[in-house]
Every structure is written in C-alpha cells, then in structure tokens.
C-alpha cells in the first residue's frame, strides 16, 4: 500500500522516503477561517508520538504513525507503531480512512473545552 491510496481530501505535504507528513483538507483548514495550527495531520516517522516536535531528532527502532488536530492535541485512536515504514504507511492510510469516515470522537481528544466551530466543520467534512 502507498499514499496513492489515501481517501479524498488527504494530501501528502512531504515524503522523502523517511518522514512523511499527510494533511486533511488544506483548502479548508489552511485558509483564513481557521488557524493553520488546526490542520489535521498524520505523521509517519521514527520519532515516537510521545516525543515533542522540538525534540524530533530522537528516533526509535520502530516506525510510528501520529495524528494531530492541532499541536499537542493527538488523536491516540489513530496512532500506532510498526516494524517497517511500509507497515506504517499502510497504517497511516487506514487512519486517514477512519478519520474521513468519522470513526473518531474528535471532541474526546481534547482535555479542555474543544473549539466547537472547528469540530463542527470536521463533522461536516467527515463521516
């Protein structure tokens, strides 16, 4: 499986054969209506999702899929670890499918009160 099998609305922003960054609907969430930090993003890398981005050079022996709705707001239900990059890419594509189908409780990922306008827009675009 490759990123060519991503569901509609997902775009590969970066893929150098190592780390990959895949975003959801940049036409909606990268515009004037929403802060660009609210761009739903999937990462495939050897950096564990538990390691803050500012320390992104800390690699592991595994490949990880991480999903964020904004910085520090992880969608743990879509995150996973894998032995190979191929397996991680496959898992990222499946995570994108689950996200697009609306199989994720977006409101439940926030520790504090979630931004309702943003979540309403996500609900309109998924599932």
C-alpha atoms as a PDB file:
ATOM      1  CA  UNK A   1       0.000   0.000   0.000  1.00  0.00           C
ATOM      2  CA  UNK A   2       1.152   3.533  -0.697  1.00  0.00           C
ATOM      3  CA  UNK A   3      -0.019   7.080  -0.140  1.00  0.00           C
ATOM      4  CA  UNK A   4      -1.614   6.851  -3.588  1.00  0.00           C
ATOM      5  CA  UNK A   5      -4.479   5.050  -1.829  1.00  0.00           C
ATOM      6  CA  UNK A   6      -5.328   7.924   0.526  1.00  0.00           C
ATOM      7  CA  UNK A   7      -9.012   8.843   0.683  1.00  0.00           C
ATOM      8  CA  UNK A   8     -10.254  12.028  -0.918  1.00  0.00           C
ATOM      9  CA  UNK A   9      -9.239  15.188   0.900  1.00  0.00           C
ATOM     10  CA  UNK A  10      -5.898  13.907   2.173  1.00  0.00           C
ATOM     11  CA  UNK A  11      -2.730  15.404   0.647  1.00  0.00           C
ATOM     12  CA  UNK A  12       0.900  14.358   1.014  1.00  0.00           C
ATOM     13  CA  UNK A  13       2.762  17.507   2.000  1.00  0.00           C
ATOM     14  CA  UNK A  14       6.137  15.874   2.499  1.00  0.00           C
ATOM     15  CA  UNK A  15       7.578  12.445   1.820  1.00  0.00           C
ATOM     16  CA  UNK A  16      11.305  11.989   1.459  1.00  0.00           C
ATOM     17  CA  UNK A  17      11.235   8.212   1.840  1.00  0.00           C
ATOM     18  CA  UNK A  18      11.698   8.642   5.573  1.00  0.00           C
ATOM     19  CA  UNK A  19       9.439  11.031   7.429  1.00  0.00           C
ATOM     20  CA  UNK A  20       6.103  11.745   5.757  1.00  0.00           C
ATOM     21  CA  UNK A  21       3.508  14.419   6.515  1.00  0.00           C
ATOM     22  CA  UNK A  22      -0.055  13.966   5.267  1.00  0.00           C
ATOM     23  CA  UNK A  23      -2.743  16.616   5.827  1.00  0.00           C
ATOM     24  CA  UNK A  24      -6.533  16.719   5.632  1.00  0.00           C
ATOM     25  CA  UNK A  25      -8.306  19.327   3.536  1.00  0.00           C
ATOM     26  CA  UNK A  26      -5.661  22.077   3.466  1.00  0.00           C
ATOM     27  CA  UNK A  27      -8.094  24.013   1.262  1.00  0.00           C
ATOM     28  CA  UNK A  28     -10.354  24.328   4.326  1.00  0.00           C
ATOM     29  CA  UNK A  29      -8.065  24.284   7.351  1.00  0.00           C
ATOM     30  CA  UNK A  30      -5.125  26.267   5.974  1.00  0.00           C
ATOM     31  CA  UNK A  31      -7.227  29.280   4.996  1.00  0.00           C
ATOM     32  CA  UNK A  32      -8.470  32.428   6.681  1.00  0.00           C
ATOM     33  CA  UNK A  33     -11.332  30.748   8.580  1.00  0.00           C
ATOM     34  CA  UNK A  34      -9.069  28.546  10.726  1.00  0.00           C
ATOM     35  CA  UNK A  35      -5.677  28.988  12.297  1.00  0.00           C
ATOM     36  CA  UNK A  36      -3.203  26.880  10.307  1.00  0.00           C
ATOM     37  CA  UNK A  37      -2.363  25.034  13.531  1.00  0.00           C
ATOM     38  CA  UNK A  38      -5.773  23.330  13.215  1.00  0.00           C
ATOM     39  CA  UNK A  39      -4.753  21.467  10.067  1.00  0.00           C
ATOM     40  CA  UNK A  40      -5.428  17.753  10.794  1.00  0.00           C
ATOM     41  CA  UNK A  41      -2.117  15.993  10.182  1.00  0.00           C
ATOM     42  CA  UNK A  42      -0.789  12.437  10.042  1.00  0.00           C
ATOM     43  CA  UNK A  43       2.937  11.865  10.530  1.00  0.00           C
ATOM     44  CA  UNK A  44       4.911   8.754   9.601  1.00  0.00           C
ATOM     45  CA  UNK A  45       8.357   8.759  11.186  1.00  0.00           C
ATOM     46  CA  UNK A  46      10.760   7.055  13.534  1.00  0.00           C
ATOM     47  CA  UNK A  47      10.000   9.696  16.173  1.00  0.00           C
ATOM     48  CA  UNK A  48       7.604   8.446  18.796  1.00  0.00           C
ATOM     49  CA  UNK A  49       4.385  10.484  19.134  1.00  0.00           C
ATOM     50  CA  UNK A  50       5.294  10.842  22.835  1.00  0.00           C
ATOM     51  CA  UNK A  51       8.367  12.931  21.942  1.00  0.00           C
ATOM     52  CA  UNK A  52       7.620  16.645  21.474  1.00  0.00           C
ATOM     53  CA  UNK A  53       8.329  18.019  17.985  1.00  0.00           C
ATOM     54  CA  UNK A  54      11.024  20.318  19.374  1.00  0.00           C
ATOM     55  CA  UNK A  55      12.981  17.167  20.187  1.00  0.00           C
ATOM     56  CA  UNK A  56      12.130  15.477  16.896  1.00  0.00           C
ATOM     57  CA  UNK A  57      15.638  14.170  16.371  1.00  0.00           C
ATOM     58  CA  UNK A  58      15.033  11.453  18.968  1.00  0.00           C
ATOM     59  CA  UNK A  59      14.477   8.368  16.840  1.00  0.00           C
ATOM     60  CA  UNK A  60      13.375   4.867  17.749  1.00  0.00           C
ATOM     61  CA  UNK A  61      13.879   1.490  16.067  1.00  0.00           C
ATOM     62  CA  UNK A  62      10.211   1.474  15.087  1.00  0.00           C
ATOM     63  CA  UNK A  63       8.077   3.461  12.661  1.00  0.00           C
ATOM     64  CA  UNK A  64       5.239   5.449  14.155  1.00  0.00           C
ATOM     65  CA  UNK A  65       2.001   6.946  12.896  1.00  0.00           C
ATOM     66  CA  UNK A  66       0.905  10.051  14.793  1.00  0.00           C
ATOM     67  CA  UNK A  67      -2.212  12.132  14.243  1.00  0.00           C
ATOM     68  CA  UNK A  68      -2.818  15.675  15.466  1.00  0.00           C
ATOM     69  CA  UNK A  69      -5.763  18.053  15.211  1.00  0.00           C
ATOM     70  CA  UNK A  70      -3.503  20.868  16.381  1.00  0.00           C
ATOM     71  CA  UNK A  71      -0.168  20.980  18.241  1.00  0.00           C
ATOM     72  CA  UNK A  72      -0.258  18.864  21.392  1.00  0.00           C
ATOM     73  CA  UNK A  73      -3.748  17.506  20.568  1.00  0.00           C
ATOM     74  CA  UNK A  74      -3.156  13.918  19.495  1.00  0.00           C
ATOM     75  CA  UNK A  75      -5.801  11.540  18.190  1.00  0.00           C
ATOM     76  CA  UNK A  76      -4.456   8.500  20.006  1.00  0.00           C
ATOM     77  CA  UNK A  77      -7.075   6.207  18.446  1.00  0.00           C
ATOM     78  CA  UNK A  78      -5.282   6.692  15.104  1.00  0.00           C
ATOM     79  CA  UNK A  79      -1.720   6.338  16.384  1.00  0.00           C
ATOM     80  CA  UNK A  80       0.327   3.164  16.111  1.00  0.00           C
ATOM     81  CA  UNK A  81       3.849   1.700  15.935  1.00  0.00           C
ATOM     82  CA  UNK A  82       5.264  -0.658  13.312  1.00  0.00           C
ATOM     83  CA  UNK A  83       8.408  -2.598  12.436  1.00  0.00           C
ATOM     84  CA  UNK A  84       8.717  -1.215   8.909  1.00  0.00           C
ATOM     85  CA  UNK A  85       7.959   2.015   7.075  1.00  0.00           C
ATOM     86  CA  UNK A  86       5.764   0.091   4.625  1.00  0.00           C
ATOM     87  CA  UNK A  87       3.592  -1.109   7.511  1.00  0.00           C
ATOM     88  CA  UNK A  88       3.466   2.427   8.960  1.00  0.00           C
ATOM     89  CA  UNK A  89       2.375   3.899   5.612  1.00  0.00           C
ATOM     90  CA  UNK A  90      -0.349   1.259   5.352  1.00  0.00           C
ATOM     91  CA  UNK A  91      -1.497   2.130   8.883  1.00  0.00           C
ATOM     92  CA  UNK A  92      -1.458   5.857   8.056  1.00  0.00           C
ATOM     93  CA  UNK A  93      -3.674   5.278   5.011  1.00  0.00           C
ATOM     94  CA  UNK A  94      -6.089   3.263   7.148  1.00  0.00           C
ATOM     95  CA  UNK A  95      -6.013   6.002   9.817  1.00  0.00           C
ATOM     96  CA  UNK A  96      -6.886   8.556   7.115  1.00  0.00           C
ATOM     97  CA  UNK A  97      -9.798   6.362   6.032  1.00  0.00           C
ATOM     98  CA  UNK A  98     -11.086   6.069   9.597  1.00  0.00           C
ATOM     99  CA  UNK A  99     -10.732   9.827  10.062  1.00  0.00           C
ATOM    100  CA  UNK A 100     -12.591  10.533   6.817  1.00  0.00           C
ATOM    101  CA  UNK A 101     -15.416   8.146   7.718  1.00  0.00           C
ATOM    102  CA  UNK A 102     -15.882   9.971  11.017  1.00  0.00           C
ATOM    103  CA  UNK A 103     -14.890   6.910  13.064  1.00  0.00           C
ATOM    104  CA  UNK A 104     -13.105   9.142  15.586  1.00  0.00           C
ATOM    105  CA  UNK A 105     -14.558  11.005  18.553  1.00  0.00           C
ATOM    106  CA  UNK A 106     -12.815  14.293  17.788  1.00  0.00           C
ATOM    107  CA  UNK A 107     -14.309  16.041  20.807  1.00  0.00           C
ATOM    108  CA  UNK A 108     -12.988  13.324  23.096  1.00  0.00           C
ATOM    109  CA  UNK A 109      -9.334  14.051  22.252  1.00  0.00           C
ATOM    110  CA  UNK A 110      -9.403  17.450  23.958  1.00  0.00           C
ATOM    111  CA  UNK A 111      -8.506  17.698  27.652  1.00  0.00           C
ATOM    112  CA  UNK A 112     -10.144  21.133  27.895  1.00  0.00           C
ATOM    113  CA  UNK A 113     -13.190  22.537  26.124  1.00  0.00           C
ATOM    114  CA  UNK A 114     -12.734  21.859  22.411  1.00  0.00           C
ATOM    115  CA  UNK A 115     -13.189  24.553  19.767  1.00  0.00           C
ATOM    116  CA  UNK A 116     -16.807  23.851  18.766  1.00  0.00           C
ATOM    117  CA  UNK A 117     -16.765  25.709  15.424  1.00  0.00           C
ATOM    118  CA  UNK A 118     -13.718  23.710  14.331  1.00  0.00           C
ATOM    119  CA  UNK A 119     -15.228  20.385  15.424  1.00  0.00           C
ATOM    120  CA  UNK A 120     -18.495  21.227  13.681  1.00  0.00           C
ATOM    121  CA  UNK A 121     -16.583  21.788  10.447  1.00  0.00           C
ATOM    122  CA  UNK A 122     -14.735  18.477  10.882  1.00  0.00           C
ATOM    123  CA  UNK A 123     -18.077  16.741  11.393  1.00  0.00           C
ATOM    124  CA  UNK A 124     -19.396  18.266   8.152  1.00  0.00           C
ATOM    125  CA  UNK A 125     -16.373  17.028   6.204  1.00  0.00           C
ATOM    126  CA  UNK A 126     -16.201  13.503   7.636  1.00  0.00           C
ATOM    127  CA  UNK A 127     -18.496  10.524   8.057  1.00  0.00           C
END
